[in-house]
Every structure is written in C-alpha cells, then in structure tokens.
Amino acid sequence: MSLGLSRIGWDSLVYFAGGFLGKGAKFLLIPVYVRFLTPAEVGIVIWLEAVSVALGRLLSFGLGQSVKRFYVEFEEERQGDVFAATIFWLSSALAVGGGGILAWAALRWGGGLVEGMEAGHLALAIVIGVLQSNYSIPMQRFIARREPFKHGLFELLQFFLAAALIIYLVVVEGMGVYGVLLGGVASAFAWNIVAAWAVTSGIGFALKLDRVGEAVRYSLPTLPHLMFTWGITFVDRPILERFVSLASLGVYGIGYQVASVLPMLTNSMLNAWIARFFLSADDEGGPQRYAETLTYCMLVLVMAASGVALFAPEIIALVATPEYSGAVVVTRVVALGLVFHGSYQALLLVLFYTKATPSISVATGSALIANIGLNLLLVPRVGILGAALSTVAAYGVATLVTYRTALGAFDLRLEWRRLAHLTSYFGLLVVIMWNVPLSLGVMGSLLKAVGYLGVTAGLFVSGFLSDEERHRVRRRIREAF
C-alpha cells in the first residue's frame, strides 16, 4: 500500500473510533428502549427519528456540502474558515425560520398522525431537526482540514451527552417518549453552541459573502439528493406503520440500528479520503489511485458486513430482549445491502469532485422510486423482511446508476477482478454459515469465528494481493515490530 493509502487508513481509524465510540453511546439506548419503552413506543421513536433526520437535511438546504468541496480551493486557511462560518450562520437562519413555522403547525395539527403519537412529540422532533441541521458544517470543516481527531471527539462527546440525557430522563424520571425527545433537544441545543464556537474560533464574526452565491448554486442541486437519501433510509417507516404493528416497526428499527454501524464505517473511510482525492484527482496517477483506494475500502466494508451478518443473532441477544429476536433477519439483510451503499457513496466522490451535483439526484431519485415501489409490493406480503429487501435493492440501483454517470465524468478504472474475488469469498462464507443456530451457544459462535478467520486468511493467500502489495505489507509489519 502506498503512503497515501496508509495515511487514509490511519485517518479512517481515527474517524471510525470517534464514530464507533459515539455510536456505542447510542447503542446504550437500545437496552434502555427495549426495557423502559413498550414496542409501540419504540416504534413511535423510530418514526420520529425519521422526521428529525429529514428536517436536519432539508432545513440546511444542503449548504454543508459546499464547505467540504470549496474549502480546499482557498489558498489561505483563514479564508476557508471565514467561508465555513458564513455558511454556518446562513444555514442557522434558514433552519430557525423554516423550523419555527413547522413546529407551530405541528402543535396545532400534528396530533393523530400515528396511533399513540401526540402533537408535542412531533413538535419536539422538529426542534431536534432544526438544531441538528448545522452539525454537518463544523464536521465538514474538520474533514476538509484533515482533522480526524477533532471530528471524532466532536462526534463522540455529542453522542455521549445525548445518550446520558436520554437515559436519565427515561430511566430515572420515567418520561417515556418525551424523555427521548427532550434529551435530544437539550443535547442538540448544547452542541449548537459548541458548533458555533468551533466555526468562529479565531475569526470572530467575519463573513465572506463573495462565494455564497456559488456555494448555493453548488449545494441546492444536492438537496434532492439529500432528501432522496433520507427517503431510501426512512421511507419504509411510514409504509411499515400502515401495514404492520408499531411493535413490529420497533423490532425493525432495532435491527436496522444494529446494521447502521456499517454506514459509519463507510463515512469514516470517505472522510479520510475525500480531501486527498479532491486535491490529486487530476494528477496523472489520480484514476489509478482512486481505483486502488476503492478496492481497499470495499475490502474493509465487505469484511465488516459479513461479520455483522454472521454474528447478528449474538449481537441482538446481547443488546435486546427475546421479543426482539425478529430483528436478526433485518440486521443480516440490511448489513449485506449496505455494502452497495458503501460502493455508491465512493462513486459519488467523482460526481462531487466534478461538480456534477444535478446528476447525483438522478441516482438517488431512481433508488428511492425503486425503494418505495418494492416496499409497497413486499411489506404487505412479508412484513419487515420486505422493507429490508427493498433497502438492498434501492442501494443496488443507486450504485448502478451512479457508476454509469461517473463513467462519463472521470477516468474510472475499477479493479473488477479483485472486487469479484473479494465478494465471492465472503458471500460464500455467509451462505454456508447463515443457519448456524444460536442454540449452539459458544460452540456455534466459535464455529462462525473460525470460518470467518479462515476465509479472511484464504483471501489474502489466494491472489487478492499482488506480489508488490505483499512485499509492502511484510515490510510495514517488520517496521512496526
């Protein structure tokens, strides 16, 4: 592996560590939800989470994307910082204005949309969305500045504060769904103050308005993409709510939550990669570096997804109660589908780099249409499994359409042989060991672990690595020890 890949690898570990520990704090909420909320209340929380995430994307008008793309073009770091701060304040004003109107409307007319959900629940979810809409801007600034430690620390502390507040309000105060929402509001408000400090530290309230118009023109075409991406992730919630019980929706949400560690891994690798790609894509070796980096990112993602799919029964048994055992199949199917999500996100880098932002929404829009259609077809027939299968198909469509679009924008030289080699090895592993029963206990888990390690070793000795790559790996191991 080259020095660039090594640096990306180390930075990815730092991004992932912050995200994983932060996500670990969020995983602390799963045992709380399943023990202190009814399955129906968990279903309401899952439904309201979809509302908050959607508004967090919609109300910022996609402006955070411009920070990541334009920051690297400023010759002086201070100019980039002033630009990021300007976008932060503009995004804040838009979010507060739009969110205030929506929260007022929710209090007046938001009751009864979902059985058991109150108007106050919806209003608080909207407030969370407003407050979270600006999180992306300091995070994108950290990525552009290649500061993975600050990014990870920000994410870690944010998650832990939210988890601590929610656990206190739900467990100690017994506030149920309101406890979840009020904890989210308090945490998001506190971190808005931290975010404002992060983007203005050292520059005060200086503004840079001359590139705002360009940033808006770049960002607005990504807004449909952001909403379509949200739709792929969350549109199954309202469809499930119409065809299955809220308790089943709660089971589905827990299963999806466990699998969601994989997009976090994808984002960690892309965060470490993106600024370097933007700065060197036009170099003579840019296309080859892109292909090589993509292969190694997919290696990590496929290995992780296979592990999650194999050990889903053990994970669900550890974090949830027996009534959530149906979440296992959701975790397994969604985990495998999220491999497509990772490949599609990597291909999107090409379109962001070439500023072909209108084309991005075509891919995600196609995937959303497929997702909605399949959910409507499958959920009435096979319930939550249908929603999980629809997610797989949607990300598959997104990958295919994005690949075709990227072919016309960049010199793609994907390493198809190695990608096929990788997926065939771990695909065979999952097929063979899918049905190892949880009743085998430790022996069953050990059997799966041995199979996993054996396949991993087999991959690396069967020609996946070139002679030069094996030499580099051995040399780095010797240097490390």
Protein backbone atom coordinates (compact mmCIF):
# COMPACT_ATOMS: atom_id res chain seq x y z
CA MET A 1 0.00 0.00 0.00
CA SER A 2 1.24 3.50 -0.79
CA LEU A 3 1.94 6.18 1.76
CA GLY A 4 -1.29 7.90 0.71
CA LEU A 5 -3.30 4.76 1.38
CA SER A 6 -1.57 4.29 4.72
CA ARG A 7 -2.45 7.84 5.74
CA ILE A 8 -6.04 7.34 4.65
CA GLY A 9 -6.10 4.12 6.64
CA TRP A 10 -4.86 5.74 9.85
CA ASP A 11 -7.18 8.72 9.48
CA SER A 12 -10.08 6.34 8.81
CA LEU A 13 -9.32 4.55 12.06
CA VAL A 14 -9.47 7.85 13.94
CA TYR A 15 -12.74 8.86 12.28
CA PHE A 16 -14.17 5.41 12.93
CA ALA A 17 -13.00 5.34 16.55
CA GLY A 18 -14.83 8.58 17.30
CA GLY A 19 -17.91 7.46 15.42
CA PHE A 20 -17.87 3.93 16.83
CA LEU A 21 -17.48 5.09 20.43
CA GLY A 22 -20.17 7.67 19.82
CA LYS A 23 -22.36 5.05 18.18
CA GLY A 24 -21.56 2.85 21.15
CA ALA A 25 -23.15 5.52 23.30
CA LYS A 26 -26.17 5.37 21.03
CA PHE A 27 -26.21 1.57 21.30
CA LEU A 28 -26.56 2.08 25.06
CA LEU A 29 -30.02 3.36 24.23
CA ILE A 30 -31.17 0.08 22.68
CA PRO A 31 -31.31 -1.81 26.01
CA VAL A 32 -32.98 1.26 27.52
CA TYR A 33 -35.60 1.45 24.79
CA VAL A 34 -36.45 -2.25 24.86
CA ARG A 35 -36.75 -2.36 28.66
CA PHE A 36 -38.29 1.01 29.55
CA LEU A 37 -40.48 1.64 26.49
CA THR A 38 -43.14 -0.59 25.03
CA PRO A 39 -42.50 -1.93 21.50
CA ALA A 40 -45.18 0.51 20.28
CA GLU A 41 -43.35 3.43 21.93
CA VAL A 42 -40.11 2.26 20.31
CA GLY A 43 -42.00 2.35 17.01
CA ILE A 44 -43.02 5.99 17.69
CA VAL A 45 -39.40 6.91 18.49
CA ILE A 46 -38.20 5.28 15.25
CA TRP A 47 -40.88 7.14 13.28
CA LEU A 48 -39.99 10.48 14.86
CA GLU A 49 -36.28 9.89 14.25
CA ALA A 50 -37.09 9.80 10.55
CA VAL A 51 -38.74 13.23 10.88
CA SER A 52 -35.75 14.75 12.70
CA VAL A 53 -33.20 13.39 10.23
CA ALA A 54 -35.24 14.60 7.25
CA LEU A 55 -35.53 18.13 8.61
CA GLY A 56 -31.87 18.16 9.61
CA ARG A 57 -31.09 17.72 5.92
CA LEU A 58 -33.88 19.81 4.41
CA LEU A 59 -33.61 22.93 6.54
CA SER A 60 -29.88 23.44 5.85
CA PHE A 61 -30.57 23.37 2.08
CA GLY A 62 -27.53 21.15 1.57
CA LEU A 63 -25.15 24.03 2.30
CA GLY A 64 -22.82 21.84 4.33
CA GLN A 65 -21.79 20.09 1.10
CA SER A 66 -20.27 23.33 -0.19
CA VAL A 67 -17.93 23.58 2.81
CA LYS A 68 -16.38 20.21 2.05
CA ARG A 69 -15.95 20.98 -1.66
CA PHE A 70 -14.84 24.64 -1.67
CA TYR A 71 -12.69 24.77 1.46
CA VAL A 72 -9.78 23.03 -0.31
CA GLU A 73 -9.80 25.68 -3.05
CA PHE A 74 -8.84 28.57 -0.74
CA GLU A 75 -5.13 29.31 -0.73
CA GLU A 76 -5.22 30.57 2.86
CA GLU A 77 -6.75 28.51 5.65
CA ARG A 78 -8.29 31.58 7.27
CA GLN A 79 -10.25 32.34 4.10
CA GLY A 80 -11.67 28.83 4.18
CA ASP A 81 -12.57 29.25 7.85
CA VAL A 82 -14.39 32.52 7.18
CA PHE A 83 -16.26 30.88 4.31
CA ALA A 84 -17.32 27.97 6.56
CA ALA A 85 -18.50 30.37 9.28
CA THR A 86 -20.52 32.34 6.74
CA ILE A 87 -22.27 29.19 5.56
CA PHE A 88 -22.92 28.21 9.19
CA TRP A 89 -24.75 31.45 10.02
CA LEU A 90 -26.71 31.38 6.76
CA SER A 91 -27.76 27.78 7.40
CA SER A 92 -28.74 28.65 11.00
CA ALA A 93 -31.01 31.46 9.88
CA LEU A 94 -32.74 29.30 7.28
CA ALA A 95 -33.23 26.41 9.72
CA VAL A 96 -34.66 28.52 12.55
CA GLY A 97 -37.07 30.31 10.22
CA GLY A 98 -38.38 27.21 8.47
CA GLY A 99 -38.35 25.00 11.56
CA GLY A 100 -40.23 27.53 13.68
CA ILE A 101 -43.12 27.55 11.22
CA LEU A 102 -43.21 23.74 11.08
CA ALA A 103 -43.12 23.35 14.88
CA TRP A 104 -46.02 25.80 15.26
CA ALA A 105 -48.02 23.89 12.64
CA ALA A 106 -47.24 20.57 14.37
CA LEU A 107 -48.62 21.82 17.70
CA ARG A 108 -51.85 22.85 16.03
CA TRP A 109 -52.43 19.95 13.63
CA GLY A 110 -49.82 17.26 14.37
CA GLY A 111 -51.83 15.01 16.69
CA GLY A 112 -53.14 11.69 15.45
CA LEU A 113 -50.78 11.20 12.52
CA VAL A 114 -49.59 7.97 14.14
CA GLU A 115 -51.53 5.99 16.73
CA GLY A 116 -50.28 6.95 20.19
CA MET A 117 -48.19 9.89 18.98
CA GLU A 118 -49.03 13.34 20.39
CA ALA A 119 -48.66 16.74 18.73
CA GLY A 120 -45.98 17.63 21.28
CA HIS A 121 -43.95 14.60 20.20
CA LEU A 122 -43.90 15.80 16.61
CA ALA A 123 -43.07 19.40 17.56
CA LEU A 124 -40.08 18.29 19.64
CA ALA A 125 -38.85 16.06 16.78
CA ILE A 126 -39.00 19.12 14.51
CA VAL A 127 -36.97 21.16 17.01
CA ILE A 128 -34.33 18.42 17.08
CA GLY A 129 -34.18 18.54 13.28
CA VAL A 130 -33.70 22.33 13.36
CA LEU A 131 -30.89 22.10 15.88
CA GLN A 132 -29.17 19.23 14.11
CA SER A 133 -29.24 20.90 10.70
CA ASN A 134 -25.98 22.74 11.41
CA TYR A 135 -23.99 19.79 12.73
CA SER A 136 -22.64 18.99 9.28
CA ILE A 137 -20.84 22.31 8.82
CA PRO A 138 -18.19 22.08 11.57
CA MET A 139 -17.88 18.38 10.73
CA GLN A 140 -17.30 19.11 7.04
CA ARG A 141 -14.76 21.76 8.02
CA PHE A 142 -12.85 19.21 10.11
CA ILE A 143 -12.86 16.83 7.13
CA ALA A 144 -11.62 19.48 4.69
CA ARG A 145 -8.86 20.47 7.14
CA ARG A 146 -7.96 16.78 7.58
CA GLU A 147 -8.51 16.90 11.35
CA PRO A 148 -9.92 13.44 12.12
CA PHE A 149 -9.22 13.68 15.87
CA LYS A 150 -11.33 16.83 16.27
CA HIS A 151 -14.06 15.32 14.10
CA GLY A 152 -14.10 12.14 16.19
CA LEU A 153 -14.04 14.00 19.51
CA PHE A 154 -16.92 16.24 18.42
CA GLU A 155 -18.96 13.21 17.37
CA LEU A 156 -18.10 11.21 20.47
CA LEU A 157 -19.00 13.89 23.00
CA GLN A 158 -22.17 14.78 21.12
CA PHE A 159 -23.43 11.19 21.21
CA PHE A 160 -22.50 10.65 24.85
CA LEU A 161 -24.26 13.80 26.01
CA ALA A 162 -27.43 12.82 24.15
CA ALA A 163 -27.30 9.25 25.48
CA ALA A 164 -26.71 10.39 29.07
CA LEU A 165 -29.61 12.85 29.00
CA ILE A 166 -32.00 10.36 27.40
CA ILE A 167 -31.07 7.58 29.83
CA TYR A 168 -31.64 9.89 32.79
CA LEU A 169 -35.00 11.18 31.55
CA VAL A 170 -36.30 7.75 30.50
CA VAL A 171 -34.89 5.52 33.26
CA VAL A 172 -34.77 7.84 36.27
CA GLU A 173 -37.60 10.24 35.52
CA GLY A 174 -39.78 7.72 33.68
CA MET A 175 -40.72 10.21 30.95
CA GLY A 176 -41.08 7.68 28.14
CA VAL A 177 -41.13 9.07 24.60
CA TYR A 178 -40.99 12.64 25.92
CA GLY A 179 -37.78 11.73 27.75
CA VAL A 180 -36.17 10.58 24.50
CA LEU A 181 -37.22 13.76 22.72
CA LEU A 182 -36.35 16.24 25.48
CA GLY A 183 -32.94 14.61 25.88
CA GLY A 184 -32.39 15.02 22.16
CA VAL A 185 -33.44 18.70 22.25
CA ALA A 186 -31.18 19.56 25.19
CA SER A 187 -28.19 17.79 23.68
CA ALA A 188 -28.68 19.32 20.25
CA PHE A 189 -29.02 22.82 21.73
CA ALA A 190 -25.78 22.41 23.71
CA TRP A 191 -23.92 21.18 20.66
CA ASN A 192 -25.15 24.06 18.54
CA ILE A 193 -23.30 26.33 20.93
CA VAL A 194 -20.20 24.15 20.57
CA ALA A 195 -20.58 24.13 16.78
CA ALA A 196 -20.82 27.94 16.67
CA TRP A 197 -17.66 28.17 18.76
CA ALA A 198 -15.86 25.66 16.52
CA VAL A 199 -16.52 27.53 13.28
CA THR A 200 -15.88 31.05 14.66
CA SER A 201 -12.85 30.34 16.86
CA GLY A 202 -10.01 32.58 15.75
CA ILE A 203 -12.03 34.54 13.21
CA GLY A 204 -14.82 36.08 15.28
CA PHE A 205 -17.85 37.08 13.25
CA ALA A 206 -16.02 37.76 9.99
CA LEU A 207 -18.09 36.90 6.91
CA LYS A 208 -17.14 36.05 3.33
CA LEU A 209 -20.11 36.76 1.10
CA ASP A 210 -18.45 36.79 -2.32
CA ARG A 211 -18.71 33.00 -2.78
CA VAL A 212 -22.09 32.46 -1.14
CA GLY A 213 -23.86 32.55 -4.49
CA GLU A 214 -21.51 29.93 -5.92
CA ALA A 215 -21.96 27.79 -2.80
CA VAL A 216 -25.75 28.00 -3.09
CA ARG A 217 -25.63 27.03 -6.79
CA TYR A 218 -23.46 24.05 -5.91
CA SER A 219 -25.49 22.98 -2.88
CA LEU A 220 -29.10 23.40 -3.99
CA PRO A 221 -28.90 20.60 -6.60
CA THR A 222 -27.70 18.30 -3.82
CA LEU A 223 -30.82 18.98 -1.75
CA PRO A 224 -32.97 16.49 -3.69
CA HIS A 225 -30.13 14.00 -3.32
CA LEU A 226 -30.05 14.50 0.45
CA MET A 227 -33.80 14.09 0.70
CA PHE A 228 -33.82 11.07 -1.60
CA THR A 229 -31.07 9.52 0.53
CA TRP A 230 -33.20 10.14 3.59
CA GLY A 231 -36.11 8.55 1.78
CA ILE A 232 -34.13 5.41 0.98
CA THR A 233 -33.28 5.08 4.67
CA PHE A 234 -36.57 6.11 6.27
CA VAL A 235 -39.47 5.87 3.80
CA ASP A 236 -40.05 2.28 4.89
CA ARG A 237 -41.08 3.55 8.36
CA PRO A 238 -44.40 5.17 7.35
CA ILE A 239 -45.12 2.30 4.95
CA LEU A 240 -44.47 -0.26 7.68
CA GLU A 241 -46.63 1.75 10.07
CA ARG A 242 -49.58 1.27 7.70
CA PHE A 243 -49.16 -2.48 7.19
CA VAL A 244 -47.61 -3.87 10.39
CA SER A 245 -48.00 -3.12 14.08
CA LEU A 246 -45.97 -0.44 15.85
CA ALA A 247 -44.38 -3.27 17.81
CA SER A 248 -43.09 -4.80 14.55
CA LEU A 249 -41.86 -1.37 13.50
CA GLY A 250 -39.93 -1.23 16.75
CA VAL A 251 -38.34 -4.63 16.00
CA TYR A 252 -37.40 -3.43 12.53
CA GLY A 253 -35.89 -0.24 13.93
CA ILE A 254 -33.69 -2.15 16.38
CA GLY A 255 -32.44 -4.47 13.63
CA TYR A 256 -31.68 -1.55 11.32
CA GLN A 257 -29.93 0.29 14.16
CA VAL A 258 -27.50 -2.57 14.70
CA ALA A 259 -26.65 -2.73 10.99
CA SER A 260 -26.15 1.05 10.87
CA VAL A 261 -22.60 0.67 12.18
CA LEU A 262 -21.67 -0.04 8.55
CA PRO A 263 -22.51 3.39 7.03
CA MET A 264 -20.48 4.83 9.90
CA LEU A 265 -17.51 2.75 8.72
CA THR A 266 -18.08 3.87 5.13
CA ASN A 267 -18.24 7.52 6.15
CA SER A 268 -15.05 7.17 8.19
CA MET A 269 -13.12 5.95 5.17
CA LEU A 270 -14.62 8.55 2.84
CA ASN A 271 -13.93 11.36 5.31
CA ALA A 272 -10.26 10.37 5.34
CA TRP A 273 -10.15 10.02 1.57
CA ILE A 274 -12.18 12.92 0.20
CA ALA A 275 -9.87 15.92 0.67
CA ARG A 276 -6.90 13.97 -0.72
CA PHE A 277 -8.97 12.87 -3.71
CA PHE A 278 -10.13 16.41 -4.47
CA LEU A 279 -6.55 17.69 -4.33
CA SER A 280 -4.97 14.98 -6.51
CA ALA A 281 -7.69 13.61 -8.79
CA ASP A 282 -6.30 15.49 -11.80
CA ASP A 283 -2.79 14.10 -11.34
CA GLU A 284 -1.51 11.57 -13.84
CA GLY A 285 -1.93 8.75 -11.35
CA GLY A 286 -5.25 10.02 -9.98
CA PRO A 287 -7.55 7.42 -11.62
CA GLN A 288 -5.32 4.52 -10.59
CA ARG A 289 -5.11 5.78 -7.00
CA TYR A 290 -8.89 6.12 -6.93
CA ALA A 291 -9.37 2.53 -8.12
CA GLU A 292 -6.84 1.13 -5.64
CA THR A 293 -8.29 3.08 -2.73
CA LEU A 294 -11.82 1.99 -3.64
CA THR A 295 -10.75 -1.66 -3.63
CA TYR A 296 -9.29 -1.40 -0.14
CA CYS A 297 -12.33 0.47 1.16
CA MET A 298 -14.56 -2.29 -0.21
CA LEU A 299 -12.31 -4.92 1.38
CA VAL A 300 -12.85 -3.38 4.82
CA LEU A 301 -16.57 -2.87 4.26
CA VAL A 302 -17.28 -6.38 2.93
CA MET A 303 -15.36 -7.95 5.81
CA ALA A 304 -17.31 -5.84 8.32
CA ALA A 305 -20.70 -6.51 6.70
CA SER A 306 -20.03 -10.25 6.66
CA GLY A 307 -19.12 -10.15 10.33
CA VAL A 308 -22.28 -8.26 11.27
CA ALA A 309 -24.42 -10.65 9.21
CA LEU A 310 -22.81 -13.74 10.74
CA PHE A 311 -22.97 -12.59 14.35
CA ALA A 312 -26.32 -10.77 14.19
CA PRO A 313 -28.04 -13.35 16.48
CA GLU A 314 -25.40 -12.88 19.16
CA ILE A 315 -25.50 -9.08 18.87
CA ILE A 316 -29.31 -8.87 19.09
CA ALA A 317 -29.35 -11.31 22.03
CA LEU A 318 -26.79 -9.13 23.81
CA VAL A 319 -28.47 -5.74 23.37
CA ALA A 320 -32.19 -6.61 23.29
CA THR A 321 -34.80 -8.85 24.88
CA PRO A 322 -36.20 -12.09 23.33
CA GLU A 323 -39.25 -10.30 21.91
CA TYR A 324 -36.84 -8.54 19.50
CA SER A 325 -35.39 -11.78 18.07
CA GLY A 326 -37.09 -10.97 14.76
CA ALA A 327 -34.59 -8.14 14.35
CA VAL A 328 -31.87 -10.66 13.43
CA VAL A 329 -33.03 -11.15 9.85
CA VAL A 330 -33.39 -7.38 9.43
CA THR A 331 -29.82 -6.81 10.60
CA ARG A 332 -28.48 -9.51 8.30
CA VAL A 333 -30.25 -8.40 5.15
CA VAL A 334 -29.65 -4.68 5.69
CA ALA A 335 -25.96 -5.31 6.52
CA LEU A 336 -25.43 -7.01 3.19
CA GLY A 337 -27.36 -4.27 1.41
CA LEU A 338 -25.19 -1.60 2.99
CA VAL A 339 -22.23 -2.93 1.02
CA PHE A 340 -23.99 -1.42 -2.01
CA HIS A 341 -24.43 1.78 0.00
CA GLY A 342 -20.66 1.96 0.52
CA SER A 343 -19.83 1.44 -3.15
CA TYR A 344 -22.39 4.03 -4.21
CA GLN A 345 -21.00 6.58 -1.73
CA ALA A 346 -17.47 6.01 -3.05
CA LEU A 347 -18.63 6.54 -6.63
CA LEU A 348 -20.36 9.76 -5.57
CA LEU A 349 -16.94 11.27 -4.80
CA VAL A 350 -16.36 11.50 -8.55
CA LEU A 351 -19.56 13.48 -9.10
CA PHE A 352 -18.88 15.81 -6.17
CA TYR A 353 -15.36 16.40 -7.45
CA THR A 354 -16.50 17.24 -10.99
CA LYS A 355 -19.29 19.42 -9.50
CA ALA A 356 -21.88 17.38 -11.38
CA THR A 357 -24.28 17.81 -8.48
CA PRO A 358 -27.51 17.74 -10.56
CA SER A 359 -26.60 14.22 -11.75
CA ILE A 360 -26.30 12.97 -8.18
CA SER A 361 -30.02 13.33 -7.56
CA VAL A 362 -30.82 11.19 -10.61
CA ALA A 363 -29.15 8.18 -9.00
CA THR A 364 -30.68 8.62 -5.56
CA GLY A 365 -34.06 9.50 -7.05
CA SER A 366 -34.04 6.27 -9.07
CA ALA A 367 -33.13 4.33 -5.95
CA LEU A 368 -35.90 5.97 -3.93
CA ILE A 369 -38.51 5.12 -6.58
CA ALA A 370 -37.34 1.50 -6.51
CA ASN A 371 -37.42 1.50 -2.71
CA ILE A 372 -40.95 2.87 -2.46
CA GLY A 373 -42.28 0.52 -5.14
CA LEU A 374 -40.72 -2.56 -3.58
CA ASN A 375 -41.83 -1.59 -0.08
CA LEU A 376 -45.41 -1.24 -1.28
CA LEU A 377 -45.13 -4.59 -3.06
CA LEU A 378 -43.30 -6.61 -0.39
CA VAL A 379 -44.27 -5.18 3.01
CA PRO A 380 -47.95 -6.25 2.79
CA ARG A 381 -46.76 -9.77 1.91
CA VAL A 382 -43.68 -10.42 4.09
CA GLY A 383 -43.70 -7.53 6.59
CA ILE A 384 -40.42 -6.18 7.92
CA LEU A 385 -38.38 -8.57 5.77
CA GLY A 386 -39.86 -6.87 2.71
CA ALA A 387 -38.62 -3.49 3.94
CA ALA A 388 -35.12 -4.88 4.48
CA LEU A 389 -35.04 -6.43 0.99
CA SER A 390 -36.24 -3.15 -0.52
CA THR A 391 -33.30 -1.36 1.11
CA VAL A 392 -30.86 -3.79 -0.55
CA ALA A 393 -32.45 -3.26 -3.95
CA ALA A 394 -32.52 0.53 -3.57
CA TYR A 395 -28.80 0.77 -2.84
CA GLY A 396 -28.10 -1.63 -5.70
CA VAL A 397 -29.96 0.68 -8.08
CA ALA A 398 -28.12 3.71 -6.68
CA THR A 399 -24.77 2.01 -7.27
CA LEU A 400 -25.56 1.07 -10.88
CA VAL A 401 -26.90 4.49 -11.88
CA THR A 402 -24.07 6.36 -10.13
CA TYR A 403 -21.48 4.15 -11.82
CA ARG A 404 -22.92 4.83 -15.28
CA THR A 405 -22.95 8.58 -14.58
CA ALA A 406 -19.42 8.59 -13.16
CA LEU A 407 -18.10 6.83 -16.27
CA GLY A 408 -18.79 9.98 -18.26
CA ALA A 409 -17.25 12.30 -15.68
CA PHE A 410 -13.98 10.60 -14.74
CA ASP A 411 -11.48 8.03 -15.97
CA LEU A 412 -12.78 5.10 -13.92
CA ARG A 413 -10.50 2.07 -13.83
CA LEU A 414 -12.14 -0.15 -11.25
CA GLU A 415 -10.34 -3.34 -10.28
CA TRP A 416 -13.18 -5.69 -11.19
CA ARG A 417 -11.20 -8.92 -10.76
CA ARG A 418 -10.21 -8.13 -7.21
CA LEU A 419 -13.68 -6.86 -6.31
CA ALA A 420 -15.23 -10.09 -7.61
CA HIS A 421 -12.62 -12.14 -5.76
CA LEU A 422 -13.44 -10.36 -2.52
CA THR A 423 -17.23 -10.59 -2.71
CA SER A 424 -17.22 -14.25 -3.79
CA TYR A 425 -15.14 -15.32 -0.79
CA PHE A 426 -17.23 -13.59 1.85
CA GLY A 427 -20.51 -14.26 0.04
CA LEU A 428 -19.78 -17.99 0.18
CA LEU A 429 -18.94 -17.71 3.89
CA VAL A 430 -22.27 -16.05 4.72
CA VAL A 431 -24.28 -18.55 2.64
CA ILE A 432 -22.63 -21.54 4.34
CA MET A 433 -22.89 -20.24 7.89
CA TRP A 434 -26.18 -18.30 7.74
CA ASN A 435 -28.12 -21.04 9.51
CA VAL A 436 -25.78 -21.84 12.41
CA PRO A 437 -28.35 -21.77 15.27
CA LEU A 438 -27.97 -19.54 18.31
CA SER A 439 -28.93 -22.56 20.43
CA LEU A 440 -25.41 -23.96 19.87
CA GLY A 441 -24.21 -21.21 22.17
CA VAL A 442 -20.46 -20.67 22.45
CA MET A 443 -19.68 -23.58 20.12
CA GLY A 444 -21.77 -22.06 17.35
CA SER A 445 -20.12 -18.67 17.79
CA LEU A 446 -16.67 -20.26 17.75
CA LEU A 447 -17.55 -22.17 14.57
CA LYS A 448 -18.52 -18.95 12.85
CA ALA A 449 -15.41 -17.16 14.12
CA VAL A 450 -13.15 -19.92 12.81
CA GLY A 451 -14.92 -19.83 9.44
CA TYR A 452 -14.60 -16.06 9.26
CA LEU A 453 -10.90 -16.06 10.09
CA GLY A 454 -10.29 -18.94 7.69
CA VAL A 455 -11.95 -17.18 4.78
CA THR A 456 -10.08 -13.96 5.56
CA ALA A 457 -6.75 -15.80 5.55
CA GLY A 458 -7.74 -17.65 2.39
CA LEU A 459 -8.50 -14.41 0.61
CA PHE A 460 -5.06 -12.97 1.26
CA VAL A 461 -3.14 -16.09 0.24
CA SER A 462 -5.21 -16.76 -2.88
CA GLY A 463 -4.03 -13.89 -5.05
CA PHE A 464 -6.06 -10.94 -3.82
CA LEU A 465 -2.84 -9.06 -3.04
CA SER A 466 -0.21 -8.57 -5.73
CA ASP A 467 3.41 -9.56 -5.09
CA GLU A 468 4.30 -5.90 -4.64
CA GLU A 469 1.50 -5.38 -2.12
CA ARG A 470 2.50 -8.46 -0.12
CA HIS A 471 6.07 -7.15 -0.04
CA ARG A 472 4.86 -3.78 1.24
CA VAL A 473 2.72 -5.40 3.93
CA ARG A 474 5.62 -7.56 5.15
CA ARG A 475 7.92 -4.54 5.19
CA ARG A 476 5.48 -2.47 7.21
CA ILE A 477 4.98 -5.32 9.69
CA ARG A 478 8.75 -5.55 10.15
CA GLU A 479 8.97 -1.75 10.61
CA ALA A 480 6.16 -1.84 13.18
CA PHE A 481 7.82 -4.54 15.28
